C-alpha cells in the first residue's frame, strides 16, 4: 500500500505534463489545454495529502 502512495502522485504529475504538451502541440485553446492537467495535478495534491495524513 505504501508503494502506490509514493508512486501515484508522480505518475499524475507526469501525465499532467504530457497532456499539457500534447494539447499545446495540437494548438488548442490554452484554457482547454490546461483543464485535464490541472485536474491531474489536483489529484496528485490529494494523494500527497493522503500520504501525509497516513504518515507514510
N, C-alpha and C. Protein backbone atom coordinates (compact mmCIF):
# COMPACT_ATOMS: atom_id res chain seq x y z
N UNK A 1 0.82 -1.19 0.00
CA UNK A 1 0.00 0.00 0.00
C UNK A 1 0.86 1.26 0.00
N UNK A 2 1.98 1.20 0.67
CA UNK A 2 2.84 2.38 0.74
C UNK A 2 3.45 2.72 -0.61
N UNK A 3 3.70 1.70 -1.42
CA UNK A 3 4.36 1.95 -2.71
C UNK A 3 3.47 2.79 -3.64
N UNK A 4 2.19 2.46 -3.71
CA UNK A 4 1.34 3.23 -4.63
C UNK A 4 1.13 4.65 -4.12
N UNK A 5 1.18 4.86 -2.82
CA UNK A 5 1.06 6.23 -2.31
C UNK A 5 2.27 7.07 -2.68
N UNK A 6 3.41 6.43 -2.85
CA UNK A 6 4.60 7.16 -3.26
C UNK A 6 4.63 7.39 -4.77
N UNK A 7 4.19 6.40 -5.54
CA UNK A 7 4.30 6.46 -7.00
C UNK A 7 3.16 7.24 -7.64
N UNK A 8 1.96 7.11 -7.11
CA UNK A 8 0.78 7.71 -7.75
C UNK A 8 0.90 9.22 -7.99
N UNK A 9 1.32 10.03 -7.01
CA UNK A 9 1.41 11.47 -7.30
C UNK A 9 2.37 11.79 -8.43
N UNK A 10 3.49 11.10 -8.50
CA UNK A 10 4.47 11.37 -9.55
C UNK A 10 3.95 10.94 -10.91
N UNK A 11 3.19 9.86 -10.96
CA UNK A 11 2.57 9.43 -12.22
C UNK A 11 1.56 10.49 -12.68
N UNK A 12 0.77 11.00 -11.76
CA UNK A 12 -0.22 12.02 -12.12
C UNK A 12 0.44 13.31 -12.59
N UNK A 13 1.52 13.71 -11.93
CA UNK A 13 2.24 14.92 -12.36
C UNK A 13 2.84 14.71 -13.75
N UNK A 14 3.41 13.54 -13.99
CA UNK A 14 3.95 13.23 -15.31
C UNK A 14 2.88 13.26 -16.38
N UNK A 15 1.73 12.68 -16.08
CA UNK A 15 0.62 12.71 -17.04
C UNK A 15 0.14 14.13 -17.29
N UNK A 16 0.18 14.96 -16.27
CA UNK A 16 -0.23 16.36 -16.45
C UNK A 16 0.70 17.08 -17.41
N UNK A 17 2.00 16.86 -17.26
CA UNK A 17 2.95 17.50 -18.19
C UNK A 17 2.79 16.96 -19.60
N UNK A 18 2.60 15.66 -19.73
CA UNK A 18 2.45 15.06 -21.06
C UNK A 18 1.19 15.57 -21.74
N UNK A 19 0.07 15.62 -21.01
CA UNK A 19 -1.17 16.10 -21.63
C UNK A 19 -1.10 17.59 -21.96
N UNK A 20 -0.41 18.36 -21.14
CA UNK A 20 -0.23 19.78 -21.46
C UNK A 20 0.56 19.94 -22.75
N UNK A 21 1.66 19.23 -22.86
CA UNK A 21 2.49 19.32 -24.06
C UNK A 21 1.71 18.86 -25.28
N UNK A 22 0.99 17.76 -25.16
CA UNK A 22 0.22 17.24 -26.29
C UNK A 22 -0.86 18.21 -26.72
N UNK A 23 -1.55 18.79 -25.75
CA UNK A 23 -2.62 19.74 -26.09
C UNK A 23 -2.07 21.01 -26.71
N UNK A 24 -0.95 21.50 -26.21
CA UNK A 24 -0.38 22.73 -26.78
C UNK A 24 0.22 22.48 -28.16
N UNK A 25 0.74 21.27 -28.39
CA UNK A 25 1.24 20.95 -29.73
C UNK A 25 0.11 20.84 -30.74
N UNK A 26 -1.07 20.45 -30.27
CA UNK A 26 -2.22 20.39 -31.17
C UNK A 26 -2.81 21.77 -31.42
N UNK A 27 -2.26 22.78 -30.75
CA UNK A 27 -2.69 24.17 -30.90
C UNK A 27 -4.15 24.38 -30.53
N UNK A 28 -4.57 23.73 -29.45
CA UNK A 28 -5.92 24.01 -28.94
C UNK A 28 -5.85 25.25 -28.07
N UNK A 29 -6.99 25.72 -27.68
CA UNK A 29 -7.10 26.88 -26.80
C UNK A 29 -6.34 26.61 -25.50
N UNK A 30 -5.64 27.60 -24.98
CA UNK A 30 -4.84 27.41 -23.77
C UNK A 30 -5.74 27.01 -22.60
N UNK A 31 -6.90 27.60 -22.51
CA UNK A 31 -7.82 27.27 -21.42
C UNK A 31 -8.23 25.80 -21.51
N UNK A 32 -8.54 25.34 -22.72
CA UNK A 32 -8.92 23.94 -22.91
C UNK A 32 -7.73 23.01 -22.68
N UNK A 33 -6.54 23.49 -23.01
CA UNK A 33 -5.35 22.65 -22.88
C UNK A 33 -4.99 22.40 -21.42
N UNK A 34 -5.40 23.28 -20.53
CA UNK A 34 -5.00 23.16 -19.13
C UNK A 34 -6.04 22.52 -18.23
N UNK A 35 -7.21 22.17 -18.75
CA UNK A 35 -8.25 21.60 -17.90
C UNK A 35 -7.83 20.25 -17.34
N UNK A 36 -7.49 19.31 -18.20
CA UNK A 36 -7.11 17.97 -17.74
C UNK A 36 -5.83 17.98 -16.91
N UNK A 37 -4.78 18.69 -17.32
CA UNK A 37 -3.58 18.72 -16.47
C UNK A 37 -3.84 19.29 -15.08
N UNK A 38 -4.68 20.32 -14.97
CA UNK A 38 -4.98 20.87 -13.65
C UNK A 38 -5.77 19.88 -12.80
N UNK A 39 -6.65 19.12 -13.43
CA UNK A 39 -7.35 18.07 -12.68
C UNK A 39 -6.38 17.00 -12.20
N UNK A 40 -5.43 16.63 -13.05
CA UNK A 40 -4.43 15.63 -12.65
C UNK A 40 -3.55 16.14 -11.53
N UNK A 41 -3.16 17.42 -11.59
CA UNK A 41 -2.36 17.99 -10.51
C UNK A 41 -3.16 18.07 -9.21
N UNK A 42 -4.45 18.32 -9.32
CA UNK A 42 -5.31 18.30 -8.14
C UNK A 42 -5.38 16.92 -7.51
N UNK A 43 -5.48 15.90 -8.35
CA UNK A 43 -5.47 14.53 -7.82
C UNK A 43 -4.13 14.19 -7.18
N UNK A 44 -3.06 14.67 -7.78
CA UNK A 44 -1.73 14.44 -7.19
C UNK A 44 -1.64 15.11 -5.83
N UNK A 45 -2.16 16.33 -5.72
CA UNK A 45 -2.14 17.03 -4.43
C UNK A 45 -2.97 16.28 -3.39
N UNK A 46 -4.10 15.74 -3.81
CA UNK A 46 -4.92 14.96 -2.89
C UNK A 46 -4.20 13.70 -2.42
N UNK A 47 -3.50 13.04 -3.33
CA UNK A 47 -2.80 11.83 -2.92
C UNK A 47 -1.61 12.15 -2.02
N UNK A 48 -0.96 13.32 -2.25
CA UNK A 48 0.11 13.73 -1.33
C UNK A 48 -0.48 14.04 0.05
N UNK A 49 -1.64 14.66 0.08
CA UNK A 49 -2.29 14.96 1.35
C UNK A 49 -2.68 13.67 2.08
N UNK A 50 -3.16 12.69 1.32
CA UNK A 50 -3.48 11.39 1.91
C UNK A 50 -2.23 10.75 2.50
N UNK A 51 -1.15 10.86 1.75
CA UNK A 51 0.12 10.29 2.20
C UNK A 51 0.57 10.94 3.51
N UNK A 52 0.45 12.26 3.59
CA UNK A 52 0.82 12.97 4.82
C UNK A 52 -0.12 12.61 5.97
N UNK A 53 -1.40 12.48 5.67
CA UNK A 53 -2.38 12.17 6.71
C UNK A 53 -2.15 10.77 7.28
N UNK A 54 -1.74 9.85 6.43
CA UNK A 54 -1.49 8.48 6.89
C UNK A 54 -0.12 8.34 7.53
N UNK A 55 0.71 9.36 7.36
CA UNK A 55 2.04 9.31 7.96
C UNK A 55 2.98 8.35 7.28
N UNK A 56 2.81 8.21 5.97
CA UNK A 56 3.67 7.27 5.21
C UNK A 56 4.95 7.97 4.83
